[in-house]
Amino acid sequence: LNALSAVISEGGFEKASKKLFITQLAVSRRIHQLEAKLGEPVIIRTQPPRPTALGKRLLNHLQQVLQLEVALNVDALNEHSSLNT
């Protein structure tokens, strides 16, 4: 999902590879593996690439998970600091 997000946000596979500090081939393989696992494309391979309907749903899901992780960390920090006071 991180590879998908990087390809879309960076506007291509090459820029995504630089953002993720991996090769362009590795980004492409991750996208292909995701598509193989899901049985349908997640990216429309245009310039710049665009997410398919499924790709959009996956990106929304990733965003929700990241927001929940941030909230959990904030809650954990608040609980930890209140225990120490």
PDB file of N, CA and C in Angstrom:
ATOM      1  N   LEU A   1       0.826  -1.203   0.000  1.00  0.00           N
ATOM      2  CA  LEU A   1       0.000   0.000   0.000  1.00  0.00           C
ATOM      3  C   LEU A   1       0.862   1.255   0.000  1.00  0.00           C
ATOM      4  N   ASN A   2       2.018   1.177   0.676  1.00  0.00           N
ATOM      5  CA  ASN A   2       2.914   2.336   0.672  1.00  0.00           C
ATOM      6  C   ASN A   2       3.439   2.621  -0.730  1.00  0.00           C
ATOM      7  N   ALA A   3       3.708   1.568  -1.494  1.00  0.00           N
ATOM      8  CA  ALA A   3       4.175   1.755  -2.869  1.00  0.00           C
ATOM      9  C   ALA A   3       3.074   2.395  -3.709  1.00  0.00           C
ATOM     10  N   LEU A   4       1.846   1.931  -3.556  1.00  0.00           N
ATOM     11  CA  LEU A   4       0.712   2.509  -4.270  1.00  0.00           C
ATOM     12  C   LEU A   4       0.567   3.984  -3.923  1.00  0.00           C
ATOM     13  N   SER A   5       0.611   4.285  -2.658  1.00  0.00           N
ATOM     14  CA  SER A   5       0.479   5.663  -2.206  1.00  0.00           C
ATOM     15  C   SER A   5       1.592   6.543  -2.773  1.00  0.00           C
ATOM     16  N   ALA A   6       2.808   6.038  -2.759  1.00  0.00           N
ATOM     17  CA  ALA A   6       3.947   6.818  -3.262  1.00  0.00           C
ATOM     18  C   ALA A   6       3.843   7.054  -4.766  1.00  0.00           C
ATOM     19  N   VAL A   7       3.430   6.052  -5.526  1.00  0.00           N
ATOM     20  CA  VAL A   7       3.290   6.215  -6.980  1.00  0.00           C
ATOM     21  C   VAL A   7       2.268   7.302  -7.290  1.00  0.00           C
ATOM     22  N   ILE A   8       1.160   7.287  -6.588  1.00  0.00           N
ATOM     23  CA  ILE A   8       0.113   8.275  -6.840  1.00  0.00           C
ATOM     24  C   ILE A   8       0.531   9.658  -6.346  1.00  0.00           C
ATOM     25  N   SER A   9       1.040   9.734  -5.125  1.00  0.00           N
ATOM     26  CA  SER A   9       1.384  11.052  -4.569  1.00  0.00           C
ATOM     27  C   SER A   9       2.577  11.693  -5.268  1.00  0.00           C
ATOM     28  N   GLU A  10       3.508  10.867  -5.737  1.00  0.00           N
ATOM     29  CA  GLU A  10       4.704  11.402  -6.398  1.00  0.00           C
ATOM     30  C   GLU A  10       4.525  11.547  -7.906  1.00  0.00           C
ATOM     31  N   GLY A  11       3.473  10.951  -8.442  1.00  0.00           N
ATOM     32  CA  GLY A  11       3.186  11.097  -9.862  1.00  0.00           C
ATOM     33  C   GLY A  11       3.969  10.178 -10.777  1.00  0.00           C
ATOM     34  N   GLY A  12       4.476   9.071 -10.244  1.00  0.00           N
ATOM     35  CA  GLY A  12       5.169   8.117 -11.092  1.00  0.00           C
ATOM     36  C   GLY A  12       6.000   7.127 -10.300  1.00  0.00           C
ATOM     37  N   PHE A  13       6.420   6.079 -10.996  1.00  0.00           N
ATOM     38  CA  PHE A  13       7.181   4.997 -10.367  1.00  0.00           C
ATOM     39  C   PHE A  13       8.594   5.435  -9.996  1.00  0.00           C
ATOM     40  N   GLU A  14       9.224   6.212 -10.849  1.00  0.00           N
ATOM     41  CA  GLU A  14      10.600   6.638 -10.576  1.00  0.00           C
ATOM     42  C   GLU A  14      10.670   7.531  -9.336  1.00  0.00           C
ATOM     43  N   LYS A  15       9.788   8.518  -9.263  1.00  0.00           N
ATOM     44  CA  LYS A  15       9.776   9.404  -8.093  1.00  0.00           C
ATOM     45  C   LYS A  15       9.379   8.637  -6.838  1.00  0.00           C
ATOM     46  N   ALA A  16       8.462   7.680  -6.977  1.00  0.00           N
ATOM     47  CA  ALA A  16       8.065   6.857  -5.829  1.00  0.00           C
ATOM     48  C   ALA A  16       9.250   6.061  -5.315  1.00  0.00           C
ATOM     49  N   SER A  17      10.062   5.541  -6.236  1.00  0.00           N
ATOM     50  CA  SER A  17      11.228   4.755  -5.816  1.00  0.00           C
ATOM     51  C   SER A  17      12.203   5.607  -5.014  1.00  0.00           C
ATOM     52  N   LYS A  18      12.367   6.853  -5.411  1.00  0.00           N
ATOM     53  CA  LYS A  18      13.260   7.747  -4.669  1.00  0.00           C
ATOM     54  C   LYS A  18      12.694   8.055  -3.282  1.00  0.00           C
ATOM     55  N   LYS A  19      11.389   8.254  -3.210  1.00  0.00           N
ATOM     56  CA  LYS A  19      10.751   8.553  -1.923  1.00  0.00           C
ATOM     57  C   LYS A  19      10.869   7.368  -0.962  1.00  0.00           C
ATOM     58  N   LEU A  20      10.742   6.151  -1.500  1.00  0.00           N
ATOM     59  CA  LEU A  20      10.765   4.947  -0.678  1.00  0.00           C
ATOM     60  C   LEU A  20      12.170   4.368  -0.493  1.00  0.00           C
ATOM     61  N   PHE A  21      13.147   4.951  -1.173  1.00  0.00           N
ATOM     62  CA  PHE A  21      14.541   4.487  -1.107  1.00  0.00           C
ATOM     63  C   PHE A  21      14.690   3.038  -1.563  1.00  0.00           C
ATOM     64  N   ILE A  22      13.967   2.702  -2.630  1.00  0.00           N
ATOM     65  CA  ILE A  22      14.075   1.385  -3.262  1.00  0.00           C
ATOM     66  C   ILE A  22      14.141   1.600  -4.768  1.00  0.00           C
ATOM     67  N   THR A  23      14.438   0.555  -5.518  1.00  0.00           N
ATOM     68  CA  THR A  23      14.533   0.695  -6.967  1.00  0.00           C
ATOM     69  C   THR A  23      13.150   0.829  -7.598  1.00  0.00           C
ATOM     70  N   GLN A  24      13.144   1.356  -8.808  1.00  0.00           N
ATOM     71  CA  GLN A  24      11.897   1.486  -9.557  1.00  0.00           C
ATOM     72  C   GLN A  24      11.308   0.098  -9.811  1.00  0.00           C
ATOM     73  N   LEU A  25      12.175  -0.872 -10.070  1.00  0.00           N
ATOM     74  CA  LEU A  25      11.724  -2.245 -10.289  1.00  0.00           C
ATOM     75  C   LEU A  25      11.033  -2.794  -9.038  1.00  0.00           C
ATOM     76  N   ALA A  26      11.568  -2.483  -7.861  1.00  0.00           N
ATOM     77  CA  ALA A  26      10.952  -2.947  -6.608  1.00  0.00           C
ATOM     78  C   ALA A  26       9.566  -2.335  -6.421  1.00  0.00           C
ATOM     79  N   VAL A  27       9.412  -1.062  -6.757  1.00  0.00           N
ATOM     80  CA  VAL A  27       8.095  -0.418  -6.671  1.00  0.00           C
ATOM     81  C   VAL A  27       7.126  -1.112  -7.622  1.00  0.00           C
ATOM     82  N   SER A  28       7.563  -1.326  -8.840  1.00  0.00           N
ATOM     83  CA  SER A  28       6.724  -1.974  -9.841  1.00  0.00           C
ATOM     84  C   SER A  28       6.313  -3.376  -9.397  1.00  0.00           C
ATOM     85  N   ARG A  29       7.251  -4.113  -8.835  1.00  0.00           N
ATOM     86  CA  ARG A  29       6.944  -5.470  -8.358  1.00  0.00           C
ATOM     87  C   ARG A  29       5.920  -5.438  -7.225  1.00  0.00           C
ATOM     88  N   ARG A  30       6.052  -4.478  -6.324  1.00  0.00           N
ATOM     89  CA  ARG A  30       5.098  -4.384  -5.218  1.00  0.00           C
ATOM     90  C   ARG A  30       3.691  -4.096  -5.731  1.00  0.00           C
ATOM     91  N   ILE A  31       3.601  -3.227  -6.720  1.00  0.00           N
ATOM     92  CA  ILE A  31       2.289  -2.920  -7.311  1.00  0.00           C
ATOM     93  C   ILE A  31       1.736  -4.161  -8.010  1.00  0.00           C
ATOM     94  N   HIS A  32       2.582  -4.845  -8.778  1.00  0.00           N
ATOM     95  CA  HIS A  32       2.133  -6.060  -9.472  1.00  0.00           C
ATOM     96  C   HIS A  32       1.706  -7.138  -8.481  1.00  0.00           C
ATOM     97  N   GLN A  33       2.433  -7.296  -7.374  1.00  0.00           N
ATOM     98  CA  GLN A  33       2.060  -8.281  -6.357  1.00  0.00           C
ATOM     99  C   GLN A  33       0.708  -7.934  -5.732  1.00  0.00           C
ATOM    100  N   LEU A  34       0.503  -6.669  -5.450  1.00  0.00           N
ATOM    101  CA  LEU A  34      -0.770  -6.221  -4.890  1.00  0.00           C
ATOM    102  C   LEU A  34      -1.901  -6.513  -5.867  1.00  0.00           C
ATOM    103  N   GLU A  35      -1.676  -6.199  -7.131  1.00  0.00           N
ATOM    104  CA  GLU A  35      -2.701  -6.440  -8.153  1.00  0.00           C
ATOM    105  C   GLU A  35      -2.958  -7.932  -8.329  1.00  0.00           C
ATOM    106  N   ALA A  36      -1.911  -8.739  -8.271  1.00  0.00           N
ATOM    107  CA  ALA A  36      -2.080 -10.192  -8.409  1.00  0.00           C
ATOM    108  C   ALA A  36      -2.877 -10.749  -7.227  1.00  0.00           C
ATOM    109  N   LYS A  37      -2.584 -10.249  -6.043  1.00  0.00           N
ATOM    110  CA  LYS A  37      -3.283 -10.709  -4.840  1.00  0.00           C
ATOM    111  C   LYS A  37      -4.761 -10.327  -4.887  1.00  0.00           C
ATOM    112  N   LEU A  38      -5.053  -9.127  -5.395  1.00  0.00           N
ATOM    113  CA  LEU A  38      -6.428  -8.639  -5.438  1.00  0.00           C
ATOM    114  C   LEU A  38      -7.187  -9.070  -6.684  1.00  0.00           C
ATOM    115  N   GLY A  39      -6.447  -9.453  -7.709  1.00  0.00           N
ATOM    116  CA  GLY A  39      -7.081  -9.922  -8.939  1.00  0.00           C
ATOM    117  C   GLY A  39      -7.563  -8.831  -9.868  1.00  0.00           C
ATOM    118  N   GLU A  40      -7.133  -7.601  -9.611  1.00  0.00           N
ATOM    119  CA  GLU A  40      -7.485  -6.497 -10.515  1.00  0.00           C
ATOM    120  C   GLU A  40      -6.501  -5.339 -10.339  1.00  0.00           C
ATOM    121  N   PRO A  41      -6.432  -4.466 -11.343  1.00  0.00           N
ATOM    122  CA  PRO A  41      -5.481  -3.341 -11.277  1.00  0.00           C
ATOM    123  C   PRO A  41      -5.837  -2.346 -10.178  1.00  0.00           C
ATOM    124  N   VAL A  42      -4.800  -1.712  -9.637  1.00  0.00           N
ATOM    125  CA  VAL A  42      -4.999  -0.652  -8.649  1.00  0.00           C
ATOM    126  C   VAL A  42      -4.528   0.694  -9.192  1.00  0.00           C
ATOM    127  N   ILE A  43      -3.830   0.639 -10.334  1.00  0.00           N
ATOM    128  CA  ILE A  43      -3.308   1.864 -10.955  1.00  0.00           C
ATOM    129  C   ILE A  43      -3.663   1.867 -12.431  1.00  0.00           C
ATOM    130  N   ILE A  44      -4.081   3.026 -12.914  1.00  0.00           N
ATOM    131  CA  ILE A  44      -4.231   3.246 -14.351  1.00  0.00           C
ATOM    132  C   ILE A  44      -2.902   3.825 -14.805  1.00  0.00           C
ATOM    133  N   ARG A  45      -2.222   3.111 -15.662  1.00  0.00           N
ATOM    134  CA  ARG A  45      -0.853   3.472 -16.035  1.00  0.00           C
ATOM    135  C   ARG A  45      -0.843   4.547 -17.121  1.00  0.00           C
ATOM    136  N   THR A  46      -1.182   5.751 -16.690  1.00  0.00           N
ATOM    137  CA  THR A  46      -1.126   6.932 -17.542  1.00  0.00           C
ATOM    138  C   THR A  46      -0.011   7.815 -17.012  1.00  0.00           C
ATOM    139  N   GLN A  47       0.185   8.957 -17.625  1.00  0.00           N
ATOM    140  CA  GLN A  47       1.175   9.915 -17.130  1.00  0.00           C
ATOM    141  C   GLN A  47       0.441  11.138 -16.645  1.00  0.00           C
ATOM    142  N   PRO A  48       0.338  11.435 -15.394  1.00  0.00           N
ATOM    143  CA  PRO A  48       0.790  10.625 -14.256  1.00  0.00           C
ATOM    144  C   PRO A  48      -0.164   9.470 -13.989  1.00  0.00           C
ATOM    145  N   PRO A  49       0.326   8.449 -13.271  1.00  0.00           N
ATOM    146  CA  PRO A  49      -0.549   7.315 -12.947  1.00  0.00           C
ATOM    147  C   PRO A  49      -1.718   7.774 -12.072  1.00  0.00           C
ATOM    148  N   ARG A  50      -2.856   7.096 -12.255  1.00  0.00           N
ATOM    149  CA  ARG A  50      -4.048   7.405 -11.456  1.00  0.00           C
ATOM    150  C   ARG A  50      -4.543   6.120 -10.799  1.00  0.00           C
ATOM    151  N   PRO A  51      -5.142   6.224  -9.633  1.00  0.00           N
ATOM    152  CA  PRO A  51      -5.676   5.011  -9.001  1.00  0.00           C
ATOM    153  C   PRO A  51      -6.976   4.574  -9.676  1.00  0.00           C
ATOM    154  N   THR A  52      -7.177   3.274  -9.735  1.00  0.00           N
ATOM    155  CA  THR A  52      -8.470   2.747 -10.168  1.00  0.00           C
ATOM    156  C   THR A  52      -9.452   2.944  -9.012  1.00  0.00           C
ATOM    157  N   ALA A  53     -10.695   2.544  -9.208  1.00  0.00           N
ATOM    158  CA  ALA A  53     -11.680   2.633  -8.115  1.00  0.00           C
ATOM    159  C   ALA A  53     -11.188   1.836  -6.909  1.00  0.00           C
ATOM    160  N   LEU A  54     -10.659   0.635  -7.151  1.00  0.00           N
ATOM    161  CA  LEU A  54     -10.111  -0.170  -6.061  1.00  0.00           C
ATOM    162  C   LEU A  54      -8.900   0.527  -5.448  1.00  0.00           C
ATOM    163  N   GLY A  55      -8.045   1.101  -6.279  1.00  0.00           N
ATOM    164  CA  GLY A  55      -6.889   1.830  -5.777  1.00  0.00           C
ATOM    165  C   GLY A  55      -7.288   2.978  -4.876  1.00  0.00           C
ATOM    166  N   LYS A  56      -8.345   3.685  -5.241  1.00  0.00           N
ATOM    167  CA  LYS A  56      -8.842   4.788  -4.404  1.00  0.00           C
ATOM    168  C   LYS A  56      -9.319   4.282  -3.053  1.00  0.00           C
ATOM    169  N   ARG A  57     -10.029   3.152  -3.073  1.00  0.00           N
ATOM    170  CA  ARG A  57     -10.511   2.579  -1.804  1.00  0.00           C
ATOM    171  C   ARG A  57      -9.334   2.160  -0.922  1.00  0.00           C
ATOM    172  N   LEU A  58      -8.313   1.577  -1.533  1.00  0.00           N
ATOM    173  CA  LEU A  58      -7.137   1.167  -0.764  1.00  0.00           C
ATOM    174  C   LEU A  58      -6.408   2.374  -0.186  1.00  0.00           C
ATOM    175  N   LEU A  59      -6.284   3.432  -0.978  1.00  0.00           N
ATOM    176  CA  LEU A  59      -5.624   4.642  -0.490  1.00  0.00           C
ATOM    177  C   LEU A  59      -6.410   5.270   0.657  1.00  0.00           C
ATOM    178  N   ASN A  60      -7.733   5.279   0.559  1.00  0.00           N
ATOM    179  CA  ASN A  60      -8.571   5.787   1.653  1.00  0.00           C
ATOM    180  C   ASN A  60      -8.387   4.943   2.905  1.00  0.00           C
ATOM    181  N   HIS A  61      -8.332   3.633   2.728  1.00  0.00           N
ATOM    182  CA  HIS A  61      -8.121   2.730   3.856  1.00  0.00           C
ATOM    183  C   HIS A  61      -6.766   3.003   4.507  1.00  0.00           C
ATOM    184  N   LEU A  62      -5.728   3.137   3.703  1.00  0.00           N
ATOM    185  CA  LEU A  62      -4.399   3.428   4.230  1.00  0.00           C
ATOM    186  C   LEU A  62      -4.414   4.732   5.021  1.00  0.00           C
ATOM    187  N   GLN A  63      -5.066   5.744   4.501  1.00  0.00           N
ATOM    188  CA  GLN A  63      -5.137   7.033   5.191  1.00  0.00           C
ATOM    189  C   GLN A  63      -5.841   6.900   6.539  1.00  0.00           C
ATOM    190  N   GLN A  64      -6.924   6.126   6.580  1.00  0.00           N
ATOM    191  CA  GLN A  64      -7.642   5.911   7.836  1.00  0.00           C
ATOM    192  C   GLN A  64      -6.769   5.177   8.855  1.00  0.00           C
ATOM    193  N   VAL A  65      -6.042   4.171   8.393  1.00  0.00           N
ATOM    194  CA  VAL A  65      -5.157   3.422   9.288  1.00  0.00           C
ATOM    195  C   VAL A  65      -4.066   4.332   9.846  1.00  0.00           C
ATOM    196  N   LEU A  66      -3.478   5.155   8.981  1.00  0.00           N
ATOM    197  CA  LEU A  66      -2.431   6.071   9.440  1.00  0.00           C
ATOM    198  C   LEU A  66      -2.976   7.063  10.464  1.00  0.00           C
ATOM    199  N   GLN A  67      -4.183   7.552  10.243  1.00  0.00           N
ATOM    200  CA  GLN A  67      -4.799   8.476  11.199  1.00  0.00           C
ATOM    201  C   GLN A  67      -5.072   7.793  12.536  1.00  0.00           C
ATOM    202  N   LEU A  68      -5.511   6.534  12.486  1.00  0.00           N
ATOM    203  CA  LEU A  68      -5.739   5.787  13.718  1.00  0.00           C
ATOM    204  C   LEU A  68      -4.435   5.550  14.473  1.00  0.00           C
ATOM    205  N   GLU A  69      -3.367   5.258  13.742  1.00  0.00           N
ATOM    206  CA  GLU A  69      -2.066   5.055  14.384  1.00  0.00           C
ATOM    207  C   GLU A  69      -1.605   6.331  15.080  1.00  0.00           C
ATOM    208  N   VAL A  70      -1.794   7.467  14.428  1.00  0.00           N
ATOM    209  CA  VAL A  70      -1.424   8.742  15.045  1.00  0.00           C
ATOM    210  C   VAL A  70      -2.247   8.963  16.306  1.00  0.00           C
ATOM    211  N   ALA A  71      -3.545   8.721  16.229  1.00  0.00           N
ATOM    212  CA  ALA A  71      -4.420   8.909  17.391  1.00  0.00           C
ATOM    213  C   ALA A  71      -4.025   7.976  18.533  1.00  0.00           C
ATOM    214  N   LEU A  72      -3.691   6.744  18.211  1.00  0.00           N
ATOM    215  CA  LEU A  72      -3.286   5.796  19.246  1.00  0.00           C
ATOM    216  C   LEU A  72      -1.994   6.237  19.919  1.00  0.00           C
ATOM    217  N   ASN A  73      -1.057   6.723  19.151  1.00  0.00           N
ATOM    218  CA  ASN A  73       0.202   7.188  19.723  1.00  0.00           C
ATOM    219  C   ASN A  73      -0.019   8.401  20.611  1.00  0.00           C
ATOM    220  N   VAL A  74      -0.881   9.311  20.194  1.00  0.00           N
ATOM    221  CA  VAL A  74      -1.182  10.494  21.001  1.00  0.00           C
ATOM    222  C   VAL A  74      -1.854  10.065  22.300  1.00  0.00           C
ATOM    223  N   ASP A  75      -2.825   9.149  22.206  1.00  0.00           N
ATOM    224  CA  ASP A  75      -3.505   8.662  23.402  1.00  0.00           C
ATOM    225  C   ASP A  75      -2.528   7.969  24.340  1.00  0.00           C
ATOM    226  N   ALA A  76      -1.628   7.165  23.781  1.00  0.00           N
ATOM    227  CA  ALA A  76      -0.651   6.456  24.599  1.00  0.00           C
ATOM    228  C   ALA A  76       0.291   7.435  25.289  1.00  0.00           C
ATOM    229  N   LEU A  77       0.692   8.481  24.584  1.00  0.00           N
ATOM    230  CA  LEU A  77       1.564   9.491  25.185  1.00  0.00           C
ATOM    231  C   LEU A  77       0.845  10.233  26.300  1.00  0.00           C
ATOM    232  N   ASN A  78      -0.415  10.586  26.092  1.00  0.00           N
ATOM    233  CA  ASN A  78      -1.200  11.279  27.117  1.00  0.00           C
ATOM    234  C   ASN A  78      -1.371  10.413  28.361  1.00  0.00           C
ATOM    235  N   GLU A  79      -1.655   9.129  28.158  1.00  0.00           N
ATOM    236  CA  GLU A  79      -1.811   8.217  29.288  1.00  0.00           C
ATOM    237  C   GLU A  79      -0.492   8.075  30.039  1.00  0.00           C
ATOM    238  N   HIS A  80       0.591   7.959  29.300  1.00  0.00           N
ATOM    239  CA  HIS A  80       1.913   7.789  29.910  1.00  0.00           C
ATOM    240  C   HIS A  80       2.286   9.021  30.731  1.00  0.00           C
ATOM    241  N   SER A  81       2.054  10.211  30.176  1.00  0.00           N
ATOM    242  CA  SER A  81       2.418  11.438  30.904  1.00  0.00           C
ATOM    243  C   SER A  81       1.530  11.646  32.120  1.00  0.00           C
ATOM    244  N   SER A  82       0.257  11.250  32.048  1.00  0.00           N
ATOM    245  CA  SER A  82      -0.614  11.418  33.215  1.00  0.00           C
ATOM    246  C   SER A  82      -0.263  10.432  34.319  1.00  0.00           C
ATOM    247  N   LEU A  83       0.296   9.281  33.951  1.00  0.00           N
ATOM    248  CA  LEU A  83       0.730   8.310  34.953  1.00  0.00           C
ATOM    249  C   LEU A  83       1.975   8.781  35.686  1.00  0.00           C
ATOM    250  N   ASN A  84       2.795   9.578  35.030  1.00  0.00           N
ATOM    251  CA  ASN A  84       4.045  10.056  35.622  1.00  0.00           C
ATOM    252  C   ASN A  84       3.870  11.307  36.445  1.00  0.00           C
ATOM    253  N   THR A  85       2.696  11.902  36.441  1.00  0.00           N
ATOM    254  CA  THR A  85       2.518  13.159  37.203  1.00  0.00           C
ATOM    255  C   THR A  85       1.821  12.910  38.511  1.00  0.00           C
TER     256      THR A  85
END
